[in-house]
Amino acid sequence: MPSLHANLALDTGVKIFPNPATDFLEVKIKSNEPYKFVLLLNGTEGRLIDRQTTDKTAQANLRFDLKNLAAGDYTVTVSSQAGHFE
């Protein structure tokens, strides 16, 4: 089952679930200010697996498909002009 590592450095609420995940990973973002967000799903070796972006928004719900990933650790990075969450 994939698992996540997180360090908060973003003045925005970010929820990532479920953890551990098997089929999908849901990312919910809520901010006081609208931003364009970039979400990166990386393997522990740093290889980019998936990338998603949003339009300028204060709220977003995104989903990563994990069905074809091997069990292991993965990192999700959420970034905007205000900072990042990894």
C-alpha atoms as a PDB file:
ATOM      1  CA  MET A   1       0.000   0.000   0.000  1.00  0.00           C
ATOM      2  CA  PRO A   2       1.353   3.451  -0.845  1.00  0.00           C
ATOM      3  CA  SER A   3       1.993   5.771   2.104  1.00  0.00           C
ATOM      4  CA  LEU A   4       2.785   9.498   2.318  1.00  0.00           C
ATOM      5  CA  HIS A   5       5.218  11.841   4.024  1.00  0.00           C
ATOM      6  CA  ALA A   6       4.051  15.381   4.847  1.00  0.00           C
ATOM      7  CA  ASN A   7       5.631  18.620   6.079  1.00  0.00           C
ATOM      8  CA  LEU A   8       3.407  21.696   6.115  1.00  0.00           C
ATOM      9  CA  ALA A   9       4.906  24.894   4.706  1.00  0.00           C
ATOM     10  CA  LEU A  10       1.820  26.349   3.039  1.00  0.00           C
ATOM     11  CA  ASP A  11      -0.772  28.775   4.427  1.00  0.00           C
ATOM     12  CA  THR A  12      -3.504  26.636   2.881  1.00  0.00           C
ATOM     13  CA  GLY A  13      -5.479  23.669   4.200  1.00  0.00           C
ATOM     14  CA  VAL A  14      -4.496  20.440   2.454  1.00  0.00           C
ATOM     15  CA  LYS A  15      -6.099  17.065   3.186  1.00  0.00           C
ATOM     16  CA  ILE A  16      -4.661  13.921   1.606  1.00  0.00           C
ATOM     17  CA  PHE A  17      -6.503  10.641   2.125  1.00  0.00           C
ATOM     18  CA  PRO A  18      -6.788   7.723   2.514  1.00  0.00           C
ATOM     19  CA  ASN A  19      -3.402   6.915   4.004  1.00  0.00           C
ATOM     20  CA  PRO A  20      -2.419   4.231   3.382  1.00  0.00           C
ATOM     21  CA  ALA A  21      -4.043   4.188  -0.066  1.00  0.00           C
ATOM     22  CA  THR A  22      -4.502   1.375  -2.562  1.00  0.00           C
ATOM     23  CA  ASP A  23      -6.649   2.426  -5.540  1.00  0.00           C
ATOM     24  CA  PHE A  24      -6.739   6.215  -5.405  1.00  0.00           C
ATOM     25  CA  LEU A  25      -5.504   9.189  -3.430  1.00  0.00           C
ATOM     26  CA  GLU A  26      -7.794  12.158  -2.831  1.00  0.00           C
ATOM     27  CA  VAL A  27      -6.331  15.663  -2.332  1.00  0.00           C
ATOM     28  CA  LYS A  28      -8.554  18.478  -1.035  1.00  0.00           C
ATOM     29  CA  ILE A  29      -7.232  22.032  -1.001  1.00  0.00           C
ATOM     30  CA  LYS A  30      -8.842  25.008   0.725  1.00  0.00           C
ATOM     31  CA  SER A  31      -7.239  28.448   0.748  1.00  0.00           C
ATOM     32  CA  ASN A  32      -8.265  31.923   1.824  1.00  0.00           C
ATOM     33  CA  GLU A  33      -6.850  33.324  -1.428  1.00  0.00           C
ATOM     34  CA  PRO A  34      -7.224  31.885  -4.939  1.00  0.00           C
ATOM     35  CA  TYR A  35      -4.028  30.353  -6.377  1.00  0.00           C
ATOM     36  CA  LYS A  36      -2.992  28.102  -9.220  1.00  0.00           C
ATOM     37  CA  PHE A  37      -1.925  24.822  -7.609  1.00  0.00           C
ATOM     38  CA  VAL A  38       0.486  22.211  -8.950  1.00  0.00           C
ATOM     39  CA  LEU A  39       0.362  18.707  -7.488  1.00  0.00           C
ATOM     40  CA  LEU A  40       3.185  16.224  -8.025  1.00  0.00           C
ATOM     41  CA  LEU A  41       3.144  12.523  -7.176  1.00  0.00           C
ATOM     42  CA  ASN A  42       6.699  11.185  -6.879  1.00  0.00           C
ATOM     43  CA  GLY A  43       8.269   7.871  -5.965  1.00  0.00           C
ATOM     44  CA  THR A  44      10.793   7.813  -3.119  1.00  0.00           C
ATOM     45  CA  GLU A  45      13.643   7.897  -5.645  1.00  0.00           C
ATOM     46  CA  GLY A  46      12.276  11.235  -6.896  1.00  0.00           C
ATOM     47  CA  ARG A  47      10.801   9.951 -10.164  1.00  0.00           C
ATOM     48  CA  LEU A  48       7.716  11.937 -11.238  1.00  0.00           C
ATOM     49  CA  ILE A  49       4.739   9.592 -11.531  1.00  0.00           C
ATOM     50  CA  ASP A  50       1.886  12.050 -12.106  1.00  0.00           C
ATOM     51  CA  ARG A  51       1.320  15.819 -12.276  1.00  0.00           C
ATOM     52  CA  GLN A  52      -1.942  17.730 -11.945  1.00  0.00           C
ATOM     53  CA  THR A  53      -2.685  21.446 -12.027  1.00  0.00           C
ATOM     54  CA  THR A  54      -5.644  23.642 -11.154  1.00  0.00           C
ATOM     55  CA  ASP A  55      -6.900  26.929 -12.489  1.00  0.00           C
ATOM     56  CA  LYS A  56      -6.729  29.851 -10.079  1.00  0.00           C
ATOM     57  CA  THR A  57      -9.032  28.756  -7.257  1.00  0.00           C
ATOM     58  CA  ALA A  58      -9.469  28.827  -3.489  1.00  0.00           C
ATOM     59  CA  GLN A  59     -10.814  25.239  -3.357  1.00  0.00           C
ATOM     60  CA  ALA A  60      -9.913  22.134  -5.321  1.00  0.00           C
ATOM     61  CA  ASN A  61     -10.527  18.390  -5.163  1.00  0.00           C
ATOM     62  CA  LEU A  62      -8.149  16.191  -7.135  1.00  0.00           C
ATOM     63  CA  ARG A  63      -7.599  12.442  -7.356  1.00  0.00           C
ATOM     64  CA  PHE A  64      -4.523  10.408  -8.231  1.00  0.00           C
ATOM     65  CA  ASP A  65      -5.089   6.906  -9.646  1.00  0.00           C
ATOM     66  CA  LEU A  66      -2.819   4.447  -7.794  1.00  0.00           C
ATOM     67  CA  LYS A  67      -4.156   1.151  -9.179  1.00  0.00           C
ATOM     68  CA  ASN A  68      -1.080   0.469 -11.321  1.00  0.00           C
ATOM     69  CA  LEU A  69       1.519   1.468  -8.699  1.00  0.00           C
ATOM     70  CA  ALA A  70       3.536  -1.014  -6.706  1.00  0.00           C
ATOM     71  CA  ALA A  71       3.193  -0.992  -2.928  1.00  0.00           C
ATOM     72  CA  GLY A  72       5.649   1.460  -1.404  1.00  0.00           C
ATOM     73  CA  ASP A  73       6.170   5.032  -0.261  1.00  0.00           C
ATOM     74  CA  TYR A  74       5.161   7.984  -2.442  1.00  0.00           C
ATOM     75  CA  THR A  75       5.320  11.739  -1.928  1.00  0.00           C
ATOM     76  CA  VAL A  76       2.654  14.264  -2.902  1.00  0.00           C
ATOM     77  CA  THR A  77       3.795  17.869  -3.263  1.00  0.00           C
ATOM     78  CA  VAL A  78       1.177  20.628  -3.449  1.00  0.00           C
ATOM     79  CA  SER A  79       2.599  24.007  -4.416  1.00  0.00           C
ATOM     80  CA  SER A  80       1.409  27.496  -5.260  1.00  0.00           C
ATOM     81  CA  GLN A  81       2.770  31.031  -5.177  1.00  0.00           C
ATOM     82  CA  ALA A  82       2.210  30.930  -1.365  1.00  0.00           C
ATOM     83  CA  GLY A  83       4.405  27.911  -0.637  1.00  0.00           C
ATOM     84  CA  HIS A  84       4.282  24.132  -0.705  1.00  0.00           C
ATOM     85  CA  PHE A  85       3.081  21.041   1.152  1.00  0.00           C
ATOM     86  CA  GLU A  86       5.060  17.828   0.762  1.00  0.00           C
END
